[in-house]
PDB file of N, CA and C in Angstrom:
ATOM      1  N   MET A   1       0.842  -1.190   0.000  1.00  0.00           N
ATOM      2  CA  MET A   1       0.000   0.000   0.000  1.00  0.00           C
ATOM      3  C   MET A   1       0.881   1.244   0.000  1.00  0.00           C
ATOM      4  N   VAL A   2       0.436   2.266  -0.690  1.00  0.00           N
ATOM      5  CA  VAL A   2       1.160   3.533  -0.754  1.00  0.00           C
ATOM      6  C   VAL A   2       0.844   4.343   0.493  1.00  0.00           C
ATOM      7  N   SER A   3       1.850   4.951   1.070  1.00  0.00           N
ATOM      8  CA  SER A   3       1.611   5.811   2.222  1.00  0.00           C
ATOM      9  C   SER A   3       1.476   7.254   1.743  1.00  0.00           C
ATOM     10  N   PRO A   4       0.812   8.114   2.527  1.00  0.00           N
ATOM     11  CA  PRO A   4       0.639   9.513   2.119  1.00  0.00           C
ATOM     12  C   PRO A   4       1.954  10.228   1.823  1.00  0.00           C
ATOM     13  N   GLU A   5       3.033   9.796   2.474  1.00  0.00           N
ATOM     14  CA  GLU A   5       4.333  10.420   2.237  1.00  0.00           C
ATOM     15  C   GLU A   5       4.844  10.134   0.829  1.00  0.00           C
ATOM     16  N   ASN A   6       4.361   9.046   0.225  1.00  0.00           N
ATOM     17  CA  ASN A   6       4.810   8.651  -1.106  1.00  0.00           C
ATOM     18  C   ASN A   6       3.935   9.191  -2.230  1.00  0.00           C
ATOM     19  N   VAL A   7       2.911   9.961  -1.893  1.00  0.00           N
ATOM     20  CA  VAL A   7       2.054  10.547  -2.914  1.00  0.00           C
ATOM     21  C   VAL A   7       2.839  11.654  -3.615  1.00  0.00           C
ATOM     22  N   LYS A   8       2.820  11.608  -4.944  1.00  0.00           N
ATOM     23  CA  LYS A   8       3.557  12.599  -5.726  1.00  0.00           C
ATOM     24  C   LYS A   8       2.617  13.706  -6.177  1.00  0.00           C
ATOM     25  N   TRP A   9       2.947  14.928  -5.808  1.00  0.00           N
ATOM     26  CA  TRP A   9       2.164  16.096  -6.198  1.00  0.00           C
ATOM     27  C   TRP A   9       2.855  16.748  -7.388  1.00  0.00           C
ATOM     28  N   SER A  10       2.077  17.133  -8.385  1.00  0.00           N
ATOM     29  CA  SER A  10       2.649  17.861  -9.507  1.00  0.00           C
ATOM     30  C   SER A  10       3.028  19.265  -9.040  1.00  0.00           C
ATOM     31  N   THR A  11       3.875  19.900  -9.805  1.00  0.00           N
ATOM     32  CA  THR A  11       4.293  21.268  -9.476  1.00  0.00           C
ATOM     33  C   THR A  11       3.088  22.189  -9.426  1.00  0.00           C
ATOM     34  N   SER A  12       2.187  22.051 -10.389  1.00  0.00           N
ATOM     35  CA  SER A  12       1.008  22.923 -10.410  1.00  0.00           C
ATOM     36  C   SER A  12       0.074  22.623  -9.234  1.00  0.00           C
ATOM     37  N   ALA A  13      -0.047  21.350  -8.842  1.00  0.00           N
ATOM     38  CA  ALA A  13      -0.892  21.004  -7.691  1.00  0.00           C
ATOM     39  C   ALA A  13      -0.320  21.595  -6.405  1.00  0.00           C
ATOM     40  N   LYS A  14       1.002  21.524  -6.253  1.00  0.00           N
ATOM     41  CA  LYS A  14       1.641  22.116  -5.075  1.00  0.00           C
ATOM     42  C   LYS A  14       1.388  23.618  -5.021  1.00  0.00           C
ATOM     43  N   ALA A  15       1.552  24.281  -6.153  1.00  0.00           N
ATOM     44  CA  ALA A  15       1.339  25.730  -6.216  1.00  0.00           C
ATOM     45  C   ALA A  15      -0.117  26.070  -5.918  1.00  0.00           C
ATOM     46  N   GLU A  16      -1.029  25.270  -6.453  1.00  0.00           N
ATOM     47  CA  GLU A  16      -2.452  25.526  -6.247  1.00  0.00           C
ATOM     48  C   GLU A  16      -2.848  25.354  -4.786  1.00  0.00           C
ATOM     49  N   ILE A  17      -2.377  24.285  -4.146  1.00  0.00           N
ATOM     50  CA  ILE A  17      -2.723  24.066  -2.740  1.00  0.00           C
ATOM     51  C   ILE A  17      -2.116  25.157  -1.869  1.00  0.00           C
ATOM     52  N   GLU A  18      -0.933  25.632  -2.234  1.00  0.00           N
ATOM     53  CA  GLU A  18      -0.303  26.721  -1.490  1.00  0.00           C
ATOM     54  C   GLU A  18      -1.094  28.018  -1.653  1.00  0.00           C
ATOM     55  N   ASN A  19      -1.531  28.311  -2.868  1.00  0.00           N
ATOM     56  CA  ASN A  19      -2.321  29.526  -3.104  1.00  0.00           C
ATOM     57  C   ASN A  19      -3.660  29.475  -2.385  1.00  0.00           C
ATOM     58  N   ILE A  20      -4.318  28.325  -2.439  1.00  0.00           N
ATOM     59  CA  ILE A  20      -5.593  28.170  -1.731  1.00  0.00           C
ATOM     60  C   ILE A  20      -5.383  28.328  -0.233  1.00  0.00           C
ATOM     61  N   SER A  21      -4.321  27.731   0.288  1.00  0.00           N
ATOM     62  CA  SER A  21      -4.031  27.819   1.725  1.00  0.00           C
ATOM     63  C   SER A  21      -3.784  29.261   2.157  1.00  0.00           C
ATOM     64  N   LYS A  22      -3.013  29.983   1.371  1.00  0.00           N
ATOM     65  CA  LYS A  22      -2.751  31.397   1.692  1.00  0.00           C
ATOM     66  C   LYS A  22      -4.035  32.205   1.683  1.00  0.00           C
ATOM     67  N   TYR A  23      -4.869  31.963   0.674  1.00  0.00           N
ATOM     68  CA  TYR A  23      -6.142  32.676   0.578  1.00  0.00           C
ATOM     69  C   TYR A  23      -7.034  32.376   1.783  1.00  0.00           C
ATOM     70  N   LEU A  24      -7.195  31.096   2.089  1.00  0.00           N
ATOM     71  CA  LEU A  24      -8.055  30.716   3.214  1.00  0.00           C
ATOM     72  C   LEU A  24      -7.550  31.307   4.522  1.00  0.00           C
ATOM     73  N   MET A  25      -6.241  31.283   4.730  1.00  0.00           N
ATOM     74  CA  MET A  25      -5.678  31.839   5.956  1.00  0.00           C
ATOM     75  C   MET A  25      -5.939  33.341   6.039  1.00  0.00           C
ATOM     76  N   ARG A  26      -5.716  34.022   4.930  1.00  0.00           N
ATOM     77  CA  ARG A  26      -5.879  35.478   4.899  1.00  0.00           C
ATOM     78  C   ARG A  26      -7.348  35.888   5.064  1.00  0.00           C
ATOM     79  N   GLU A  27      -8.239  35.210   4.350  1.00  0.00           N
ATOM     80  CA  GLU A  27      -9.642  35.620   4.319  1.00  0.00           C
ATOM     81  C   GLU A  27     -10.507  34.990   5.409  1.00  0.00           C
ATOM     82  N   TRP A  28     -10.164  33.772   5.843  1.00  0.00           N
ATOM     83  CA  TRP A  28     -11.044  33.039   6.751  1.00  0.00           C
ATOM     84  C   TRP A  28     -10.382  32.576   8.047  1.00  0.00           C
ATOM     85  N   GLY A  29      -9.048  32.528   8.081  1.00  0.00           N
ATOM     86  CA  GLY A  29      -8.361  32.184   9.321  1.00  0.00           C
ATOM     87  C   GLY A  29      -7.958  30.712   9.423  1.00  0.00           C
ATOM     88  N   ILE A  30      -7.293  30.426  10.513  1.00  0.00           N
ATOM     89  CA  ILE A  30      -6.668  29.126  10.738  1.00  0.00           C
ATOM     90  C   ILE A  30      -7.678  27.986  10.847  1.00  0.00           C
ATOM     91  N   ILE A  31      -8.847  28.245  11.405  1.00  0.00           N
ATOM     92  CA  ILE A  31      -9.828  27.167  11.579  1.00  0.00           C
ATOM     93  C   ILE A  31     -10.310  26.652  10.225  1.00  0.00           C
ATOM     94  N   VAL A  32     -10.674  27.560   9.331  1.00  0.00           N
ATOM     95  CA  VAL A  32     -11.143  27.162   7.999  1.00  0.00           C
ATOM     96  C   VAL A  32     -10.000  26.506   7.222  1.00  0.00           C
ATOM     97  N   LEU A  33      -8.808  27.062   7.311  1.00  0.00           N
ATOM     98  CA  LEU A  33      -7.657  26.470   6.638  1.00  0.00           C
ATOM     99  C   LEU A  33      -7.411  25.046   7.132  1.00  0.00           C
ATOM    100  N   THR A  34      -7.444  24.850   8.423  1.00  0.00           N
ATOM    101  CA  THR A  34      -7.226  23.526   9.004  1.00  0.00           C
ATOM    102  C   THR A  34      -8.282  22.531   8.538  1.00  0.00           C
ATOM    103  N   LYS A  35      -9.547  22.952   8.514  1.00  0.00           N
ATOM    104  CA  LYS A  35     -10.625  22.073   8.045  1.00  0.00           C
ATOM    105  C   LYS A  35     -10.404  21.685   6.587  1.00  0.00           C
ATOM    106  N   PHE A  36     -10.003  22.650   5.771  1.00  0.00           N
ATOM    107  CA  PHE A  36      -9.741  22.379   4.361  1.00  0.00           C
ATOM    108  C   PHE A  36      -8.610  21.364   4.200  1.00  0.00           C
ATOM    109  N   LEU A  37      -7.501  21.578   4.908  1.00  0.00           N
ATOM    110  CA  LEU A  37      -6.352  20.681   4.791  1.00  0.00           C
ATOM    111  C   LEU A  37      -6.678  19.277   5.296  1.00  0.00           C
ATOM    112  N   LEU A  38      -7.506  19.182   6.323  1.00  0.00           N
ATOM    113  CA  LEU A  38      -7.933  17.866   6.810  1.00  0.00           C
ATOM    114  C   LEU A  38      -8.775  17.136   5.759  1.00  0.00           C
ATOM    115  N   LYS A  39      -9.644  17.890   5.057  1.00  0.00           N
ATOM    116  CA  LYS A  39     -10.449  17.278   3.994  1.00  0.00           C
ATOM    117  C   LYS A  39      -9.558  16.805   2.846  1.00  0.00           C
ATOM    118  N   VAL A  40      -8.564  17.590   2.503  1.00  0.00           N
ATOM    119  CA  VAL A  40      -7.623  17.180   1.455  1.00  0.00           C
ATOM    120  C   VAL A  40      -6.906  15.900   1.882  1.00  0.00           C
ATOM    121  N   ASP A  41      -6.449  15.851   3.129  1.00  0.00           N
ATOM    122  CA  ASP A  41      -5.773  14.656   3.638  1.00  0.00           C
ATOM    123  C   ASP A  41      -6.679  13.432   3.578  1.00  0.00           C
ATOM    124  N   ARG A  42      -7.955  13.598   3.940  1.00  0.00           N
ATOM    125  CA  ARG A  42      -8.894  12.471   3.898  1.00  0.00           C
ATOM    126  C   ARG A  42      -9.108  11.983   2.467  1.00  0.00           C
ATOM    127  N   LEU A  43      -9.195  12.924   1.537  1.00  0.00           N
ATOM    128  CA  LEU A  43      -9.366  12.536   0.132  1.00  0.00           C
ATOM    129  C   LEU A  43      -8.136  11.789  -0.386  1.00  0.00           C
ATOM    130  N   ILE A  44      -6.960  12.242  -0.002  1.00  0.00           N
ATOM    131  CA  ILE A  44      -5.735  11.550  -0.403  1.00  0.00           C
ATOM    132  C   ILE A  44      -5.732  10.142   0.178  1.00  0.00           C
ATOM    133  N   ASP A  45      -6.139  10.005   1.434  1.00  0.00           N
ATOM    134  CA  ASP A  45      -6.236   8.676   2.046  1.00  0.00           C
ATOM    135  C   ASP A  45      -7.189   7.783   1.259  1.00  0.00           C
ATOM    136  N   GLN A  46      -8.335   8.334   0.824  1.00  0.00           N
ATOM    137  CA  GLN A  46      -9.293   7.565   0.033  1.00  0.00           C
ATOM    138  C   GLN A  46      -8.678   7.118  -1.289  1.00  0.00           C
ATOM    139  N   ILE A  47      -7.949   8.008  -1.923  1.00  0.00           N
ATOM    140  CA  ILE A  47      -7.312   7.678  -3.198  1.00  0.00           C
ATOM    141  C   ILE A  47      -6.283   6.569  -3.006  1.00  0.00           C
ATOM    142  N   ILE A  48      -5.532   6.634  -1.912  1.00  0.00           N
ATOM    143  CA  ILE A  48      -4.532   5.605  -1.627  1.00  0.00           C
ATOM    144  C   ILE A  48      -5.205   4.250  -1.423  1.00  0.00           C
ATOM    145  N   ILE A  49      -6.310   4.235  -0.692  1.00  0.00           N
ATOM    146  CA  ILE A  49      -7.015   2.989  -0.405  1.00  0.00           C
ATOM    147  C   ILE A  49      -7.687   2.429  -1.657  1.00  0.00           C
ATOM    148  N   ASN A  50      -8.287   3.303  -2.456  1.00  0.00           N
ATOM    149  CA  ASN A  50      -9.040   2.858  -3.629  1.00  0.00           C
ATOM    150  C   ASN A  50      -8.746   3.785  -4.814  1.00  0.00           C
ATOM    151  N   PRO A  51      -7.600   3.632  -5.446  1.00  0.00           N
ATOM    152  CA  PRO A  51      -7.220   4.544  -6.526  1.00  0.00           C
ATOM    153  C   PRO A  51      -8.149   4.517  -7.731  1.00  0.00           C
ATOM    154  N   LYS A  52      -8.824   3.403  -7.978  1.00  0.00           N
ATOM    155  CA  LYS A  52      -9.750   3.322  -9.121  1.00  0.00           C
ATOM    156  C   LYS A  52     -10.997   4.183  -8.923  1.00  0.00           C
ATOM    157  N   GLN A  53     -11.250   4.581  -7.676  1.00  0.00           N
ATOM    158  CA  GLN A  53     -12.392   5.447  -7.379  1.00  0.00           C
ATOM    159  C   GLN A  53     -12.215   6.826  -8.013  1.00  0.00           C
ATOM    160  N   TYR A  54     -10.969   7.234  -8.203  1.00  0.00           N
ATOM    161  CA  TYR A  54     -10.645   8.530  -8.790  1.00  0.00           C
ATOM    162  C   TYR A  54      -9.672   8.311  -9.947  1.00  0.00           C
ATOM    163  N   PRO A  55     -10.164   7.940 -11.126  1.00  0.00           N
ATOM    164  CA  PRO A  55      -9.259   7.664 -12.238  1.00  0.00           C
ATOM    165  C   PRO A  55      -8.506   8.901 -12.707  1.00  0.00           C
ATOM    166  N   GLU A  56      -7.299   8.671 -13.192  1.00  0.00           N
ATOM    167  CA  GLU A  56      -6.479   9.758 -13.710  1.00  0.00           C
ATOM    168  C   GLU A  56      -7.078  10.263 -15.018  1.00  0.00           C
ATOM    169  N   ILE A  57      -7.101  11.583 -15.154  1.00  0.00           N
ATOM    170  CA  ILE A  57      -7.603  12.197 -16.380  1.00  0.00           C
ATOM    171  C   ILE A  57      -6.593  13.236 -16.831  1.00  0.00           C
ATOM    172  N   ASN A  58      -6.159  13.126 -18.065  1.00  0.00           N
ATOM    173  CA  ASN A  58      -5.255  14.109 -18.651  1.00  0.00           C
ATOM    174  C   ASN A  58      -5.959  14.679 -19.872  1.00  0.00           C
ATOM    175  N   ILE A  59      -6.592  15.828 -19.695  1.00  0.00           N
ATOM    176  CA  ILE A  59      -7.391  16.438 -20.766  1.00  0.00           C
ATOM    177  C   ILE A  59      -6.516  16.816 -21.947  1.00  0.00           C
ATOM    178  N   ARG A  60      -5.341  17.372 -21.667  1.00  0.00           N
ATOM    179  CA  ARG A  60      -4.455  17.832 -22.739  1.00  0.00           C
ATOM    180  C   ARG A  60      -4.078  16.686 -23.672  1.00  0.00           C
ATOM    181  N   LEU A  61      -3.764  15.539 -23.101  1.00  0.00           N
ATOM    182  CA  LEU A  61      -3.375  14.382 -23.908  1.00  0.00           C
ATOM    183  C   LEU A  61      -4.554  13.470 -24.243  1.00  0.00           C
ATOM    184  N   LYS A  62      -5.734  13.828 -23.765  1.00  0.00           N
ATOM    185  CA  LYS A  62      -6.962  13.059 -24.003  1.00  0.00           C
ATOM    186  C   LYS A  62      -6.817  11.617 -23.505  1.00  0.00           C
ATOM    187  N   ILE A  63      -6.281  11.475 -22.278  1.00  0.00           N
ATOM    188  CA  ILE A  63      -6.050  10.168 -21.676  1.00  0.00           C
ATOM    189  C   ILE A  63      -6.963  10.026 -20.459  1.00  0.00           C
ATOM    190  N   THR A  64      -7.682   8.923 -20.398  1.00  0.00           N
ATOM    191  CA  THR A  64      -8.446   8.589 -19.196  1.00  0.00           C
ATOM    192  C   THR A  64      -8.218   7.125 -18.886  1.00  0.00           C
ATOM    193  N   GLU A  65      -8.371   6.776 -17.650  1.00  0.00           N
ATOM    194  CA  GLU A  65      -8.249   5.367 -17.244  1.00  0.00           C
ATOM    195  C   GLU A  65      -9.597   4.745 -17.178  1.00  0.00           C
TER     196      GLU A  65
END
């Protein structure tokens, strides 16, 4: 089984999560930011447990699983 530490984030995904986090912290505060990050962590856990539940989609290359 893959552990959360082994999940690979794309450069754009890292930038996006950082931008969202900064926005949430600035506009809504630490509580909302923490809730958001916990939901992201839970979704990653779900993907690790059942990766077929969230198939990879690459629109640019027109690839789906």
